[in-house]
Amino acid sequence: MACLEPAANLVLQRSDELDGDHYEVLTPAADALSGTHPVAATLALRAMIDFSLKNNRSSRYRYAARHLIE
């Protein structure tokens, strides 16, 4: 298993720069980080939720709701 510390630190330090439209990268990243770095995982999920809501992407609302539950 790869060391997730650098990825977690990157997310924590630059969470305001995450583009929630990149769900194909952020979803697996959040999944990988969730066990050992839950705050970083939450920030990745939040970026996708915020993007969906701010850009009225109704097709993504069910995914945003699932991310919110997570």
PDB file of N, CA and C in Angstrom:
ATOM      1  N   MET A   1       0.844  -1.196   0.000  1.00  0.00           N
ATOM      2  CA  MET A   1       0.000   0.000   0.000  1.00  0.00           C
ATOM      3  C   MET A   1       0.880   1.247   0.000  1.00  0.00           C
ATOM      4  N   ALA A   2       0.527   2.185  -0.826  1.00  0.00           N
ATOM      5  CA  ALA A   2       1.305   3.414  -0.954  1.00  0.00           C
ATOM      6  C   ALA A   2       1.124   4.294   0.275  1.00  0.00           C
ATOM      7  N   CYS A   3       2.135   5.077   0.538  1.00  0.00           N
ATOM      8  CA  CYS A   3       2.070   6.023   1.650  1.00  0.00           C
ATOM      9  C   CYS A   3       1.179   7.198   1.228  1.00  0.00           C
ATOM     10  N   LEU A   4       0.167   7.447   2.009  1.00  0.00           N
ATOM     11  CA  LEU A   4      -0.804   8.488   1.671  1.00  0.00           C
ATOM     12  C   LEU A   4      -0.512   9.830   2.338  1.00  0.00           C
ATOM     13  N   GLU A   5       0.526   9.867   3.163  1.00  0.00           N
ATOM     14  CA  GLU A   5       0.847  11.092   3.895  1.00  0.00           C
ATOM     15  C   GLU A   5       1.054  12.300   2.977  1.00  0.00           C
ATOM     16  N   PRO A   6       1.854  12.190   1.898  1.00  0.00           N
ATOM     17  CA  PRO A   6       2.030  13.359   1.009  1.00  0.00           C
ATOM     18  C   PRO A   6       0.715  13.822   0.373  1.00  0.00           C
ATOM     19  N   ALA A   7      -0.119  12.885  -0.022  1.00  0.00           N
ATOM     20  CA  ALA A   7      -1.407  13.253  -0.627  1.00  0.00           C
ATOM     21  C   ALA A   7      -2.292  13.954   0.397  1.00  0.00           C
ATOM     22  N   ALA A   8      -2.330  13.420   1.606  1.00  0.00           N
ATOM     23  CA  ALA A   8      -3.140  14.035   2.657  1.00  0.00           C
ATOM     24  C   ALA A   8      -2.655  15.442   2.962  1.00  0.00           C
ATOM     25  N   ASN A   9      -1.345  15.611   3.058  1.00  0.00           N
ATOM     26  CA  ASN A   9      -0.794  16.939   3.334  1.00  0.00           C
ATOM     27  C   ASN A   9      -1.121  17.924   2.216  1.00  0.00           C
ATOM     28  N   LEU A  10      -1.051  17.458   0.990  1.00  0.00           N
ATOM     29  CA  LEU A  10      -1.380  18.321  -0.149  1.00  0.00           C
ATOM     30  C   LEU A  10      -2.833  18.783  -0.086  1.00  0.00           C
ATOM     31  N   VAL A  11      -3.731  17.856   0.198  1.00  0.00           N
ATOM     32  CA  VAL A  11      -5.154  18.202   0.307  1.00  0.00           C
ATOM     33  C   VAL A  11      -5.382  19.169   1.461  1.00  0.00           C
ATOM     34  N   LEU A  12      -4.751  18.908   2.587  1.00  0.00           N
ATOM     35  CA  LEU A  12      -4.936  19.781   3.754  1.00  0.00           C
ATOM     36  C   LEU A  12      -4.400  21.191   3.495  1.00  0.00           C
ATOM     37  N   GLN A  13      -3.265  21.284   2.852  1.00  0.00           N
ATOM     38  CA  GLN A  13      -2.634  22.593   2.632  1.00  0.00           C
ATOM     39  C   GLN A  13      -3.280  23.391   1.499  1.00  0.00           C
ATOM     40  N   ARG A  14      -3.887  22.679   0.528  1.00  0.00           N
ATOM     41  CA  ARG A  14      -4.386  23.384  -0.648  1.00  0.00           C
ATOM     42  C   ARG A  14      -5.846  23.059  -0.951  1.00  0.00           C
ATOM     43  N   SER A  15      -6.610  22.768   0.071  1.00  0.00           N
ATOM     44  CA  SER A  15      -8.012  22.365  -0.130  1.00  0.00           C
ATOM     45  C   SER A  15      -8.829  23.429  -0.849  1.00  0.00           C
ATOM     46  N   ASP A  16      -8.475  24.687  -0.660  1.00  0.00           N
ATOM     47  CA  ASP A  16      -9.218  25.762  -1.323  1.00  0.00           C
ATOM     48  C   ASP A  16      -8.982  25.781  -2.837  1.00  0.00           C
ATOM     49  N   GLU A  17      -7.990  25.037  -3.307  1.00  0.00           N
ATOM     50  CA  GLU A  17      -7.691  24.976  -4.734  1.00  0.00           C
ATOM     51  C   GLU A  17      -8.256  23.729  -5.408  1.00  0.00           C
ATOM     52  N   LEU A  18      -8.869  22.839  -4.646  1.00  0.00           N
ATOM     53  CA  LEU A  18      -9.414  21.617  -5.239  1.00  0.00           C
ATOM     54  C   LEU A  18     -10.570  21.949  -6.168  1.00  0.00           C
ATOM     55  N   ASP A  19     -10.546  21.360  -7.341  1.00  0.00           N
ATOM     56  CA  ASP A  19     -11.610  21.560  -8.318  1.00  0.00           C
ATOM     57  C   ASP A  19     -12.579  20.386  -8.202  1.00  0.00           C
ATOM     58  N   GLY A  20     -13.727  20.644  -7.612  1.00  0.00           N
ATOM     59  CA  GLY A  20     -14.722  19.612  -7.388  1.00  0.00           C
ATOM     60  C   GLY A  20     -15.287  18.995  -8.645  1.00  0.00           C
ATOM     61  N   ASP A  21     -14.980  19.569  -9.793  1.00  0.00           N
ATOM     62  CA  ASP A  21     -15.437  19.004 -11.054  1.00  0.00           C
ATOM     63  C   ASP A  21     -14.633  17.751 -11.425  1.00  0.00           C
ATOM     64  N   HIS A  22     -13.502  17.562 -10.793  1.00  0.00           N
ATOM     65  CA  HIS A  22     -12.643  16.408 -11.077  1.00  0.00           C
ATOM     66  C   HIS A  22     -12.990  15.238 -10.169  1.00  0.00           C
ATOM     67  N   TYR A  23     -14.229  14.817 -10.239  1.00  0.00           N
ATOM     68  CA  TYR A  23     -14.713  13.729  -9.389  1.00  0.00           C
ATOM     69  C   TYR A  23     -14.013  12.411  -9.677  1.00  0.00           C
ATOM     70  N   GLU A  24     -13.522  12.239 -10.922  1.00  0.00           N
ATOM     71  CA  GLU A  24     -12.863  10.984 -11.282  1.00  0.00           C
ATOM     72  C   GLU A  24     -11.535  10.815 -10.541  1.00  0.00           C
ATOM     73  N   VAL A  25     -10.981  11.907 -10.034  1.00  0.00           N
ATOM     74  CA  VAL A  25      -9.751  11.861  -9.241  1.00  0.00           C
ATOM     75  C   VAL A  25     -10.076  11.977  -7.756  1.00  0.00           C
ATOM     76  N   LEU A  26     -10.982  12.878  -7.420  1.00  0.00           N
ATOM     77  CA  LEU A  26     -11.265  13.148  -6.013  1.00  0.00           C
ATOM     78  C   LEU A  26     -11.998  12.011  -5.310  1.00  0.00           C
ATOM     79  N   THR A  27     -12.876  11.306  -6.011  1.00  0.00           N
ATOM     80  CA  THR A  27     -13.608  10.209  -5.378  1.00  0.00           C
ATOM     81  C   THR A  27     -12.662   9.094  -4.928  1.00  0.00           C
ATOM     82  N   PRO A  28     -11.796   8.571  -5.810  1.00  0.00           N
ATOM     83  CA  PRO A  28     -10.883   7.533  -5.330  1.00  0.00           C
ATOM     84  C   PRO A  28      -9.876   8.060  -4.301  1.00  0.00           C
ATOM     85  N   ALA A  29      -9.499   9.331  -4.423  1.00  0.00           N
ATOM     86  CA  ALA A  29      -8.587   9.911  -3.435  1.00  0.00           C
ATOM     87  C   ALA A  29      -9.253   9.947  -2.068  1.00  0.00           C
ATOM     88  N   ALA A  30     -10.499  10.389  -2.026  1.00  0.00           N
ATOM     89  CA  ALA A  30     -11.226  10.428  -0.751  1.00  0.00           C
ATOM     90  C   ALA A  30     -11.391   9.022  -0.177  1.00  0.00           C
ATOM     91  N   ASP A  31     -11.682   8.061  -1.024  1.00  0.00           N
ATOM     92  CA  ASP A  31     -11.815   6.679  -0.570  1.00  0.00           C
ATOM     93  C   ASP A  31     -10.506   6.173   0.035  1.00  0.00           C
ATOM     94  N   ALA A  32      -9.396   6.453  -0.638  1.00  0.00           N
ATOM     95  CA  ALA A  32      -8.096   5.994  -0.164  1.00  0.00           C
ATOM     96  C   ALA A  32      -7.702   6.676   1.145  1.00  0.00           C
ATOM     97  N   LEU A  33      -8.028   7.951   1.269  1.00  0.00           N
ATOM     98  CA  LEU A  33      -7.642   8.725   2.456  1.00  0.00           C
ATOM     99  C   LEU A  33      -8.549   8.504   3.656  1.00  0.00           C
ATOM    100  N   SER A  34      -9.731   8.003   3.441  1.00  0.00           N
ATOM    101  CA  SER A  34     -10.734   7.965   4.508  1.00  0.00           C
ATOM    102  C   SER A  34     -10.319   7.181   5.744  1.00  0.00           C
ATOM    103  N   GLY A  35      -9.573   6.117   5.579  1.00  0.00           N
ATOM    104  CA  GLY A  35      -9.197   5.294   6.726  1.00  0.00           C
ATOM    105  C   GLY A  35      -8.169   5.929   7.636  1.00  0.00           C
ATOM    106  N   THR A  36      -7.127   6.494   7.047  1.00  0.00           N
ATOM    107  CA  THR A  36      -6.024   7.019   7.845  1.00  0.00           C
ATOM    108  C   THR A  36      -5.964   8.542   7.914  1.00  0.00           C
ATOM    109  N   HIS A  37      -6.628   9.208   6.998  1.00  0.00           N
ATOM    110  CA  HIS A  37      -6.613  10.682   6.933  1.00  0.00           C
ATOM    111  C   HIS A  37      -8.031  11.197   6.686  1.00  0.00           C
ATOM    112  N   PRO A  38      -8.909  11.049   7.659  1.00  0.00           N
ATOM    113  CA  PRO A  38     -10.315  11.400   7.441  1.00  0.00           C
ATOM    114  C   PRO A  38     -10.573  12.874   7.162  1.00  0.00           C
ATOM    115  N   VAL A  39      -9.778  13.762   7.701  1.00  0.00           N
ATOM    116  CA  VAL A  39      -9.988  15.192   7.443  1.00  0.00           C
ATOM    117  C   VAL A  39      -9.687  15.503   5.983  1.00  0.00           C
ATOM    118  N   ALA A  40      -8.606  14.968   5.464  1.00  0.00           N
ATOM    119  CA  ALA A  40      -8.270  15.184   4.060  1.00  0.00           C
ATOM    120  C   ALA A  40      -9.343  14.577   3.159  1.00  0.00           C
ATOM    121  N   ALA A  41      -9.834  13.402   3.521  1.00  0.00           N
ATOM    122  CA  ALA A  41     -10.901  12.770   2.732  1.00  0.00           C
ATOM    123  C   ALA A  41     -12.153  13.639   2.733  1.00  0.00           C
ATOM    124  N   THR A  42     -12.487  14.189   3.879  1.00  0.00           N
ATOM    125  CA  THR A  42     -13.663  15.044   3.994  1.00  0.00           C
ATOM    126  C   THR A  42     -13.519  16.300   3.137  1.00  0.00           C
ATOM    127  N   LEU A  43     -12.330  16.865   3.099  1.00  0.00           N
ATOM    128  CA  LEU A  43     -12.107  18.059   2.274  1.00  0.00           C
ATOM    129  C   LEU A  43     -12.252  17.748   0.790  1.00  0.00           C
ATOM    130  N   ALA A  44     -11.811  16.583   0.370  1.00  0.00           N
ATOM    131  CA  ALA A  44     -11.980  16.180  -1.031  1.00  0.00           C
ATOM    132  C   ALA A  44     -13.463  16.010  -1.359  1.00  0.00           C
ATOM    133  N   LEU A  45     -14.196  15.367  -0.458  1.00  0.00           N
ATOM    134  CA  LEU A  45     -15.636  15.201  -0.662  1.00  0.00           C
ATOM    135  C   LEU A  45     -16.345  16.553  -0.664  1.00  0.00           C
ATOM    136  N   ARG A  46     -15.943  17.423   0.227  1.00  0.00           N
ATOM    137  CA  ARG A  46     -16.563  18.752   0.314  1.00  0.00           C
ATOM    138  C   ARG A  46     -16.372  19.539  -0.974  1.00  0.00           C
ATOM    139  N   ALA A  47     -15.201  19.399  -1.605  1.00  0.00           N
ATOM    140  CA  ALA A  47     -14.954  20.106  -2.865  1.00  0.00           C
ATOM    141  C   ALA A  47     -15.951  19.671  -3.926  1.00  0.00           C
ATOM    142  N   MET A  48     -16.244  18.368  -3.972  1.00  0.00           N
ATOM    143  CA  MET A  48     -17.209  17.869  -4.961  1.00  0.00           C
ATOM    144  C   MET A  48     -18.627  18.316  -4.628  1.00  0.00           C
ATOM    145  N   ILE A  49     -18.976  18.312  -3.354  1.00  0.00           N
ATOM    146  CA  ILE A  49     -20.304  18.752  -2.929  1.00  0.00           C
ATOM    147  C   ILE A  49     -20.495  20.233  -3.275  1.00  0.00           C
ATOM    148  N   ASP A  50     -19.520  21.039  -2.899  1.00  0.00           N
ATOM    149  CA  ASP A  50     -19.612  22.474  -3.167  1.00  0.00           C
ATOM    150  C   ASP A  50     -19.726  22.767  -4.654  1.00  0.00           C
ATOM    151  N   PHE A  51     -18.947  22.067  -5.467  1.00  0.00           N
ATOM    152  CA  PHE A  51     -19.006  22.273  -6.911  1.00  0.00           C
ATOM    153  C   PHE A  51     -20.400  21.959  -7.432  1.00  0.00           C
ATOM    154  N   SER A  52     -20.948  20.835  -7.012  1.00  0.00           N
ATOM    155  CA  SER A  52     -22.271  20.423  -7.489  1.00  0.00           C
ATOM    156  C   SER A  52     -23.339  21.451  -7.137  1.00  0.00           C
ATOM    157  N   LEU A  53     -23.280  21.947  -5.918  1.00  0.00           N
ATOM    158  CA  LEU A  53     -24.302  22.899  -5.468  1.00  0.00           C
ATOM    159  C   LEU A  53     -24.111  24.288  -6.071  1.00  0.00           C
ATOM    160  N   LYS A  54     -22.884  24.771  -6.107  1.00  0.00           N
ATOM    161  CA  LYS A  54     -22.624  26.111  -6.623  1.00  0.00           C
ATOM    162  C   LYS A  54     -22.868  26.226  -8.129  1.00  0.00           C
ATOM    163  N   ASN A  55     -22.714  25.108  -8.832  1.00  0.00           N
ATOM    164  CA  ASN A  55     -22.864  25.122 -10.284  1.00  0.00           C
ATOM    165  C   ASN A  55     -24.158  24.473 -10.755  1.00  0.00           C
ATOM    166  N   ASN A  56     -25.072  24.263  -9.826  1.00  0.00           N
ATOM    167  CA  ASN A  56     -26.389  23.703 -10.140  1.00  0.00           C
ATOM    168  C   ASN A  56     -26.309  22.436 -10.988  1.00  0.00           C
ATOM    169  N   ARG A  57     -25.444  21.544 -10.619  1.00  0.00           N
ATOM    170  CA  ARG A  57     -25.297  20.268 -11.330  1.00  0.00           C
ATOM    171  C   ARG A  57     -26.252  19.248 -10.722  1.00  0.00           C
ATOM    172  N   SER A  58     -27.503  19.368 -11.092  1.00  0.00           N
ATOM    173  CA  SER A  58     -28.535  18.507 -10.498  1.00  0.00           C
ATOM    174  C   SER A  58     -28.279  17.027 -10.770  1.00  0.00           C
ATOM    175  N   SER A  59     -27.590  16.707 -11.854  1.00  0.00           N
ATOM    176  CA  SER A  59     -27.289  15.305 -12.134  1.00  0.00           C
ATOM    177  C   SER A  59     -26.311  14.720 -11.114  1.00  0.00           C
ATOM    178  N   ARG A  60     -25.644  15.584 -10.380  1.00  0.00           N
ATOM    179  CA  ARG A  60     -24.670  15.125  -9.377  1.00  0.00           C
ATOM    180  C   ARG A  60     -25.204  15.209  -7.950  1.00  0.00           C
ATOM    181  N   TYR A  61     -26.423  15.666  -7.777  1.00  0.00           N
ATOM    182  CA  TYR A  61     -26.950  15.860  -6.433  1.00  0.00           C
ATOM    183  C   TYR A  61     -26.994  14.563  -5.630  1.00  0.00           C
ATOM    184  N   ARG A  62     -27.336  13.452  -6.281  1.00  0.00           N
ATOM    185  CA  ARG A  62     -27.402  12.196  -5.513  1.00  0.00           C
ATOM    186  C   ARG A  62     -26.016  11.783  -5.041  1.00  0.00           C
ATOM    187  N   TYR A  63     -24.995  12.059  -5.844  1.00  0.00           N
ATOM    188  CA  TYR A  63     -23.627  11.761  -5.421  1.00  0.00           C
ATOM    189  C   TYR A  63     -23.198  12.708  -4.296  1.00  0.00           C
ATOM    190  N   ALA A  64     -23.586  13.962  -4.418  1.00  0.00           N
ATOM    191  CA  ALA A  64     -23.273  14.936  -3.366  1.00  0.00           C
ATOM    192  C   ALA A  64     -23.934  14.523  -2.047  1.00  0.00           C
ATOM    193  N   ALA A  65     -25.154  14.036  -2.129  1.00  0.00           N
ATOM    194  CA  ALA A  65     -25.835  13.578  -0.919  1.00  0.00           C
ATOM    195  C   ALA A  65     -25.105  12.385  -0.310  1.00  0.00           C
ATOM    196  N   ARG A  66     -24.638  11.474  -1.151  1.00  0.00           N
ATOM    197  CA  ARG A  66     -23.877  10.324  -0.654  1.00  0.00           C
ATOM    198  C   ARG A  66     -22.567  10.787  -0.019  1.00  0.00           C
ATOM    199  N   HIS A  67     -21.898  11.748  -0.645  1.00  0.00           N
ATOM    200  CA  HIS A  67     -20.657  12.278  -0.080  1.00  0.00           C
ATOM    201  C   HIS A  67     -20.919  12.957   1.268  1.00  0.00           C
ATOM    202  N   LEU A  68     -22.041  13.633   1.365  1.00  0.00           N
ATOM    203  CA  LEU A  68     -22.392  14.305   2.606  1.00  0.00           C
ATOM    204  C   LEU A  68     -22.588  13.294   3.733  1.00  0.00           C
ATOM    205  N   ILE A  69     -23.212  12.187   3.420  1.00  0.00           N
ATOM    206  CA  ILE A  69     -23.428  11.131   4.421  1.00  0.00           C
ATOM    207  C   ILE A  69     -22.088  10.549   4.875  1.00  0.00           C
ATOM    208  N   GLU A  70     -21.175  10.382   3.912  1.00  0.00           N
ATOM    209  CA  GLU A  70     -19.858   9.837   4.239  1.00  0.00           C
ATOM    210  C   GLU A  70     -19.102  10.755   5.158  1.00  0.00           C
TER     211      GLU A  70
END
